[in-house]
Amino acid sequence: MKLPESNSRGEAILIAFLRRGPMTIYQGAEAHGEFPNRTLPMGINHAKMVELYTSLVTKGCLVKEGIMYRITDLARSLLEQKLREPQAPSSIVPARVRNFFAKPLFLGYSPMFPWRISL
């Protein structure tokens, strides 16, 4: 069994199943959303949703029982453990800002007279 990548659609589906319990695809779409983005403002279509759920079943994260899907016990324990871990800080050091006017572009360059080249 392999959990989906972090911050992916598969992980969002598993988190919704962790919180709400067994659901159908339509109930799952109501719980976790239909994944709208800039190119697809209405979200993904039903065929893509079925493909996502099928891939999670083949990975061993979900089990299909009739029309209902439920999260497996192993996926539940691994996901709970993953969600309990503290998140690493994204950035401690501030971004470096370059001053392009103070740095010479080539030998003899000055920002006051960029067309003048001294040899």
N, C-alpha and C. Protein backbone atom coordinates (compact mmCIF):
# COMPACT_ATOMS: atom_id res chain seq x y z
N MET A 1 0.84 -1.18 0.00
CA MET A 1 0.00 0.00 0.00
C MET A 1 0.89 1.24 0.00
N LYS A 2 0.52 2.20 -0.84
CA LYS A 2 1.30 3.42 -0.96
C LYS A 2 0.36 4.61 -0.89
N LEU A 3 0.64 5.53 0.04
CA LEU A 3 -0.17 6.74 0.14
C LEU A 3 0.13 7.67 -1.02
N PRO A 4 -0.86 8.46 -1.45
CA PRO A 4 -0.60 9.44 -2.52
C PRO A 4 0.33 10.56 -2.03
N GLU A 5 0.83 11.32 -2.98
CA GLU A 5 1.76 12.41 -2.66
C GLU A 5 1.08 13.46 -1.78
N SER A 6 1.89 14.24 -1.11
CA SER A 6 1.37 15.32 -0.28
C SER A 6 0.74 16.40 -1.14
N ASN A 7 -0.30 17.02 -0.63
CA ASN A 7 -1.02 18.11 -1.31
C ASN A 7 -1.52 17.70 -2.69
N SER A 8 -1.98 16.49 -2.83
CA SER A 8 -2.51 16.02 -4.11
C SER A 8 -4.01 15.77 -3.97
N ARG A 9 -4.64 15.49 -5.09
CA ARG A 9 -6.08 15.20 -5.07
C ARG A 9 -6.36 13.91 -4.30
N GLY A 10 -5.49 12.93 -4.46
CA GLY A 10 -5.66 11.66 -3.75
C GLY A 10 -5.60 11.84 -2.25
N GLU A 11 -4.69 12.69 -1.78
CA GLU A 11 -4.61 12.93 -0.35
C GLU A 11 -5.85 13.68 0.16
N ALA A 12 -6.37 14.60 -0.64
CA ALA A 12 -7.59 15.32 -0.24
C ALA A 12 -8.76 14.35 -0.14
N ILE A 13 -8.83 13.39 -1.05
CA ILE A 13 -9.90 12.39 -0.99
C ILE A 13 -9.78 11.55 0.26
N LEU A 14 -8.56 11.10 0.58
CA LEU A 14 -8.36 10.26 1.77
C LEU A 14 -8.65 11.02 3.06
N ILE A 15 -8.31 12.30 3.11
CA ILE A 15 -8.60 13.10 4.31
C ILE A 15 -10.11 13.25 4.48
N ALA A 16 -10.84 13.41 3.36
CA ALA A 16 -12.30 13.49 3.44
C ALA A 16 -12.89 12.18 3.95
N PHE A 17 -12.36 11.05 3.51
CA PHE A 17 -12.83 9.76 4.00
C PHE A 17 -12.46 9.55 5.45
N LEU A 18 -11.33 10.07 5.87
CA LEU A 18 -10.92 9.96 7.26
C LEU A 18 -11.88 10.72 8.18
N ARG A 19 -12.35 11.85 7.73
CA ARG A 19 -13.24 12.68 8.55
C ARG A 19 -14.70 12.26 8.50
N ARG A 20 -15.17 11.77 7.33
CA ARG A 20 -16.61 11.51 7.17
C ARG A 20 -16.99 10.05 7.17
N GLY A 21 -16.07 9.13 6.94
CA GLY A 21 -16.39 7.71 6.90
C GLY A 21 -16.72 7.25 5.48
N PRO A 22 -17.35 6.07 5.35
CA PRO A 22 -17.65 5.53 4.01
C PRO A 22 -18.61 6.44 3.24
N MET A 23 -18.32 6.59 1.93
CA MET A 23 -19.13 7.45 1.07
C MET A 23 -19.15 6.90 -0.34
N THR A 24 -20.12 7.39 -1.13
CA THR A 24 -20.12 7.13 -2.57
C THR A 24 -19.25 8.20 -3.24
N ILE A 25 -19.09 8.08 -4.55
CA ILE A 25 -18.30 9.08 -5.28
C ILE A 25 -18.99 10.44 -5.21
N TYR A 26 -20.31 10.46 -5.32
CA TYR A 26 -21.03 11.74 -5.29
C TYR A 26 -20.96 12.39 -3.92
N GLN A 27 -21.09 11.59 -2.86
CA GLN A 27 -20.93 12.14 -1.51
C GLN A 27 -19.50 12.62 -1.28
N GLY A 28 -18.54 11.90 -1.84
CA GLY A 28 -17.15 12.31 -1.73
C GLY A 28 -16.88 13.62 -2.43
N ALA A 29 -17.51 13.81 -3.61
CA ALA A 29 -17.34 15.07 -4.34
C ALA A 29 -17.91 16.23 -3.55
N GLU A 30 -18.99 15.98 -2.79
CA GLU A 30 -19.54 17.03 -1.92
C GLU A 30 -18.61 17.29 -0.74
N ALA A 31 -17.96 16.26 -0.23
CA ALA A 31 -17.10 16.41 0.94
C ALA A 31 -15.77 17.06 0.61
N HIS A 32 -15.09 16.61 -0.44
CA HIS A 32 -13.76 17.14 -0.74
C HIS A 32 -13.75 18.11 -1.90
N GLY A 33 -14.89 18.34 -2.55
CA GLY A 33 -14.94 19.27 -3.67
C GLY A 33 -14.60 18.59 -4.97
N GLU A 34 -14.77 19.30 -6.04
CA GLU A 34 -14.51 18.73 -7.37
C GLU A 34 -13.21 19.26 -7.96
N PHE A 35 -12.33 19.78 -7.13
CA PHE A 35 -10.99 20.23 -7.48
C PHE A 35 -10.99 21.28 -8.59
N PRO A 36 -11.63 22.43 -8.35
CA PRO A 36 -11.56 23.50 -9.36
C PRO A 36 -10.16 24.12 -9.39
N ASN A 37 -9.76 24.56 -10.55
CA ASN A 37 -8.49 25.28 -10.70
C ASN A 37 -8.66 26.34 -11.77
N ARG A 38 -7.58 26.97 -12.16
CA ARG A 38 -7.65 28.08 -13.10
C ARG A 38 -8.12 27.62 -14.49
N THR A 39 -7.67 26.46 -14.91
CA THR A 39 -8.07 25.98 -16.24
C THR A 39 -9.43 25.30 -16.23
N LEU A 40 -9.82 24.71 -15.10
CA LEU A 40 -11.12 24.05 -14.97
C LEU A 40 -11.88 24.68 -13.80
N PRO A 41 -12.52 25.83 -14.00
CA PRO A 41 -13.18 26.50 -12.88
C PRO A 41 -14.37 25.73 -12.32
N MET A 42 -14.97 24.84 -13.11
CA MET A 42 -16.09 24.03 -12.61
C MET A 42 -15.62 22.73 -11.97
N GLY A 43 -14.34 22.45 -12.00
CA GLY A 43 -13.80 21.23 -11.43
C GLY A 43 -13.66 20.14 -12.48
N ILE A 44 -13.20 18.96 -12.04
CA ILE A 44 -12.99 17.86 -12.96
C ILE A 44 -14.31 17.13 -13.19
N ASN A 45 -14.39 16.41 -14.32
CA ASN A 45 -15.64 15.72 -14.64
C ASN A 45 -15.73 14.38 -13.90
N HIS A 46 -16.86 13.72 -14.04
CA HIS A 46 -17.12 12.50 -13.28
C HIS A 46 -16.19 11.36 -13.70
N ALA A 47 -15.84 11.28 -14.96
CA ALA A 47 -14.95 10.21 -15.42
C ALA A 47 -13.58 10.32 -14.76
N LYS A 48 -13.07 11.52 -14.62
CA LYS A 48 -11.79 11.72 -13.95
C LYS A 48 -11.89 11.39 -12.46
N MET A 49 -13.04 11.70 -11.85
CA MET A 49 -13.24 11.37 -10.44
C MET A 49 -13.26 9.85 -10.25
N VAL A 50 -13.92 9.13 -11.16
CA VAL A 50 -13.94 7.67 -11.09
C VAL A 50 -12.53 7.12 -11.25
N GLU A 51 -11.75 7.74 -12.13
CA GLU A 51 -10.37 7.32 -12.34
C GLU A 51 -9.53 7.53 -11.08
N LEU A 52 -9.73 8.65 -10.39
CA LEU A 52 -9.00 8.91 -9.14
C LEU A 52 -9.35 7.88 -8.08
N TYR A 53 -10.63 7.59 -7.92
CA TYR A 53 -11.06 6.61 -6.92
C TYR A 53 -10.54 5.22 -7.27
N THR A 54 -10.55 4.86 -8.55
CA THR A 54 -10.06 3.56 -8.97
C THR A 54 -8.56 3.43 -8.71
N SER A 55 -7.82 4.50 -8.94
CA SER A 55 -6.38 4.46 -8.67
C SER A 55 -6.11 4.31 -7.18
N LEU A 56 -6.94 4.92 -6.34
CA LEU A 56 -6.78 4.75 -4.89
C LEU A 56 -7.15 3.34 -4.45
N VAL A 57 -8.10 2.71 -5.13
CA VAL A 57 -8.44 1.32 -4.82
C VAL A 57 -7.28 0.40 -5.20
N THR A 58 -6.68 0.64 -6.37
CA THR A 58 -5.57 -0.22 -6.81
C THR A 58 -4.32 -0.01 -5.95
N LYS A 59 -4.13 1.19 -5.40
CA LYS A 59 -3.01 1.43 -4.50
C LYS A 59 -3.23 0.81 -3.13
N GLY A 60 -4.47 0.46 -2.80
CA GLY A 60 -4.75 -0.16 -1.51
C GLY A 60 -5.17 0.83 -0.45
N CYS A 61 -5.48 2.06 -0.83
CA CYS A 61 -5.90 3.08 0.14
C CYS A 61 -7.40 3.02 0.41
N LEU A 62 -8.19 2.70 -0.61
CA LEU A 62 -9.64 2.60 -0.48
C LEU A 62 -10.09 1.19 -0.81
N VAL A 63 -11.26 0.82 -0.27
CA VAL A 63 -11.89 -0.46 -0.57
C VAL A 63 -13.29 -0.15 -1.09
N LYS A 64 -13.66 -0.79 -2.21
CA LYS A 64 -14.99 -0.57 -2.79
C LYS A 64 -15.90 -1.70 -2.33
N GLU A 65 -17.01 -1.31 -1.73
CA GLU A 65 -18.02 -2.27 -1.27
C GLU A 65 -19.34 -1.87 -1.88
N GLY A 66 -19.70 -2.47 -3.01
CA GLY A 66 -20.90 -2.07 -3.74
C GLY A 66 -20.65 -0.73 -4.40
N ILE A 67 -21.46 0.28 -4.03
CA ILE A 67 -21.21 1.63 -4.55
C ILE A 67 -20.52 2.51 -3.52
N MET A 68 -20.30 1.98 -2.33
CA MET A 68 -19.65 2.73 -1.26
C MET A 68 -18.15 2.46 -1.26
N TYR A 69 -17.40 3.49 -0.91
CA TYR A 69 -15.96 3.36 -0.73
C TYR A 69 -15.65 3.65 0.72
N ARG A 70 -14.64 2.95 1.26
CA ARG A 70 -14.19 3.23 2.62
C ARG A 70 -12.66 3.16 2.65
N ILE A 71 -12.08 3.86 3.60
CA ILE A 71 -10.63 3.89 3.72
C ILE A 71 -10.17 2.63 4.44
N THR A 72 -9.03 2.08 4.02
CA THR A 72 -8.52 0.87 4.67
C THR A 72 -7.91 1.24 6.02
N ASP A 73 -7.77 0.24 6.88
CA ASP A 73 -7.23 0.49 8.22
C ASP A 73 -5.77 0.93 8.17
N LEU A 74 -5.00 0.33 7.28
CA LEU A 74 -3.60 0.71 7.16
C LEU A 74 -3.45 2.14 6.66
N ALA A 75 -4.24 2.51 5.66
CA ALA A 75 -4.20 3.88 5.15
C ALA A 75 -4.68 4.86 6.22
N ARG A 76 -5.68 4.47 7.00
CA ARG A 76 -6.16 5.34 8.08
C ARG A 76 -5.06 5.60 9.10
N SER A 77 -4.37 4.55 9.54
CA SER A 77 -3.34 4.74 10.56
C SER A 77 -2.16 5.55 10.01
N LEU A 78 -1.74 5.28 8.76
CA LEU A 78 -0.63 6.03 8.18
C LEU A 78 -0.98 7.50 7.96
N LEU A 79 -2.22 7.76 7.53
CA LEU A 79 -2.64 9.14 7.29
C LEU A 79 -2.79 9.90 8.61
N GLU A 80 -3.33 9.25 9.63
CA GLU A 80 -3.42 9.91 10.94
C GLU A 80 -2.04 10.23 11.49
N GLN A 81 -1.11 9.30 11.31
CA GLN A 81 0.26 9.54 11.76
C GLN A 81 0.90 10.69 10.99
N LYS A 82 0.64 10.74 9.68
CA LYS A 82 1.20 11.81 8.85
C LYS A 82 0.61 13.17 9.22
N LEU A 83 -0.68 13.20 9.55
CA LEU A 83 -1.31 14.48 9.90
C LEU A 83 -0.92 14.94 11.30
N ARG A 84 -0.50 14.01 12.17
CA ARG A 84 -0.09 14.39 13.52
C ARG A 84 1.30 14.98 13.57
N GLU A 85 2.14 14.64 12.60
CA GLU A 85 3.51 15.14 12.59
C GLU A 85 3.52 16.65 12.41
N PRO A 86 4.41 17.35 13.12
CA PRO A 86 4.48 18.80 12.93
C PRO A 86 5.03 19.12 11.54
N GLN A 87 4.49 20.16 10.96
CA GLN A 87 4.93 20.58 9.64
C GLN A 87 6.24 21.35 9.75
N ALA A 88 7.15 21.10 8.83
CA ALA A 88 8.42 21.81 8.81
C ALA A 88 8.18 23.25 8.36
N PRO A 89 8.93 24.18 8.92
CA PRO A 89 8.75 25.57 8.48
C PRO A 89 9.15 25.71 7.01
N SER A 90 8.38 26.51 6.29
CA SER A 90 8.63 26.63 4.86
C SER A 90 9.90 27.41 4.57
N SER A 91 10.13 28.52 5.28
CA SER A 91 11.34 29.31 5.04
C SER A 91 11.65 30.12 6.29
N ILE A 92 12.86 30.00 6.77
CA ILE A 92 13.28 30.76 7.94
C ILE A 92 14.08 31.98 7.50
N VAL A 93 14.89 31.82 6.49
CA VAL A 93 15.74 32.89 5.99
C VAL A 93 14.94 33.73 5.01
N PRO A 94 14.96 35.06 5.15
CA PRO A 94 14.22 35.89 4.19
C PRO A 94 14.83 35.81 2.80
N ALA A 95 14.04 36.12 1.82
CA ALA A 95 14.50 36.07 0.44
C ALA A 95 15.58 37.11 0.21
N ARG A 96 16.55 36.77 -0.62
CA ARG A 96 17.64 37.68 -0.93
C ARG A 96 17.19 38.66 -2.01
N VAL A 97 17.41 39.92 -1.75
CA VAL A 97 17.05 40.96 -2.72
C VAL A 97 18.33 41.48 -3.35
N ARG A 98 18.37 41.46 -4.66
CA ARG A 98 19.56 41.94 -5.36
C ARG A 98 19.38 43.40 -5.76
N ASN A 99 20.41 44.14 -5.64
CA ASN A 99 20.42 45.52 -6.08
C ASN A 99 21.19 45.56 -7.40
N PHE A 100 20.46 45.63 -8.51
CA PHE A 100 21.10 45.59 -9.81
C PHE A 100 21.78 46.91 -10.16
N PHE A 101 21.43 48.00 -9.47
CA PHE A 101 22.05 49.28 -9.78
C PHE A 101 23.42 49.41 -9.14
N ALA A 102 23.66 48.71 -8.05
CA ALA A 102 24.95 48.80 -7.38
C ALA A 102 25.96 47.82 -7.97
N LYS A 103 25.49 46.77 -8.60
CA LYS A 103 26.40 45.76 -9.14
C LYS A 103 26.75 46.11 -10.58
N PRO A 104 28.03 46.18 -10.90
CA PRO A 104 28.39 46.47 -12.29
C PRO A 104 28.07 45.27 -13.19
N LEU A 105 27.52 45.56 -14.36
CA LEU A 105 27.20 44.50 -15.29
C LEU A 105 28.44 43.99 -16.01
N PHE A 106 29.37 44.88 -16.29
CA PHE A 106 30.64 44.50 -16.90
C PHE A 106 31.66 45.56 -16.49
N LEU A 107 32.88 45.32 -16.81
CA LEU A 107 33.97 46.21 -16.40
C LEU A 107 33.79 47.58 -17.03
N GLY A 108 33.80 48.62 -16.25
CA GLY A 108 33.68 49.97 -16.75
C GLY A 108 32.24 50.47 -16.81
N TYR A 109 31.28 49.69 -16.37
CA TYR A 109 29.88 50.10 -16.42
C TYR A 109 29.55 50.95 -15.21
N SER A 110 28.79 52.01 -15.43
CA SER A 110 28.27 52.79 -14.31
C SER A 110 26.79 53.06 -14.57
N PRO A 111 25.93 53.02 -13.56
CA PRO A 111 24.51 53.21 -13.78
C PRO A 111 24.15 54.61 -14.27
N MET A 112 25.01 55.60 -13.98
CA MET A 112 24.72 56.96 -14.44
C MET A 112 24.92 57.08 -15.96
N PHE A 113 25.92 56.39 -16.48
CA PHE A 113 26.23 56.45 -17.90
C PHE A 113 26.35 55.03 -18.45
N PRO A 114 25.23 54.37 -18.71
CA PRO A 114 25.31 52.96 -19.14
C PRO A 114 25.87 52.79 -20.54
N TRP A 115 25.87 53.84 -21.34
CA TRP A 115 26.37 53.71 -22.71
C TRP A 115 27.87 53.91 -22.78
N ARG A 116 28.47 54.47 -21.72
CA ARG A 116 29.90 54.75 -21.72
C ARG A 116 30.66 53.52 -21.27
N ILE A 117 31.63 53.14 -22.02
CA ILE A 117 32.46 51.98 -21.68
C ILE A 117 33.88 52.47 -21.53
N SER A 118 34.49 52.21 -20.39
CA SER A 118 35.89 52.59 -20.20
C SER A 118 36.73 51.34 -20.36
N LEU A 119 37.81 51.50 -21.07
CA LEU A 119 38.68 50.36 -21.33
C LEU A 119 39.85 50.32 -20.42
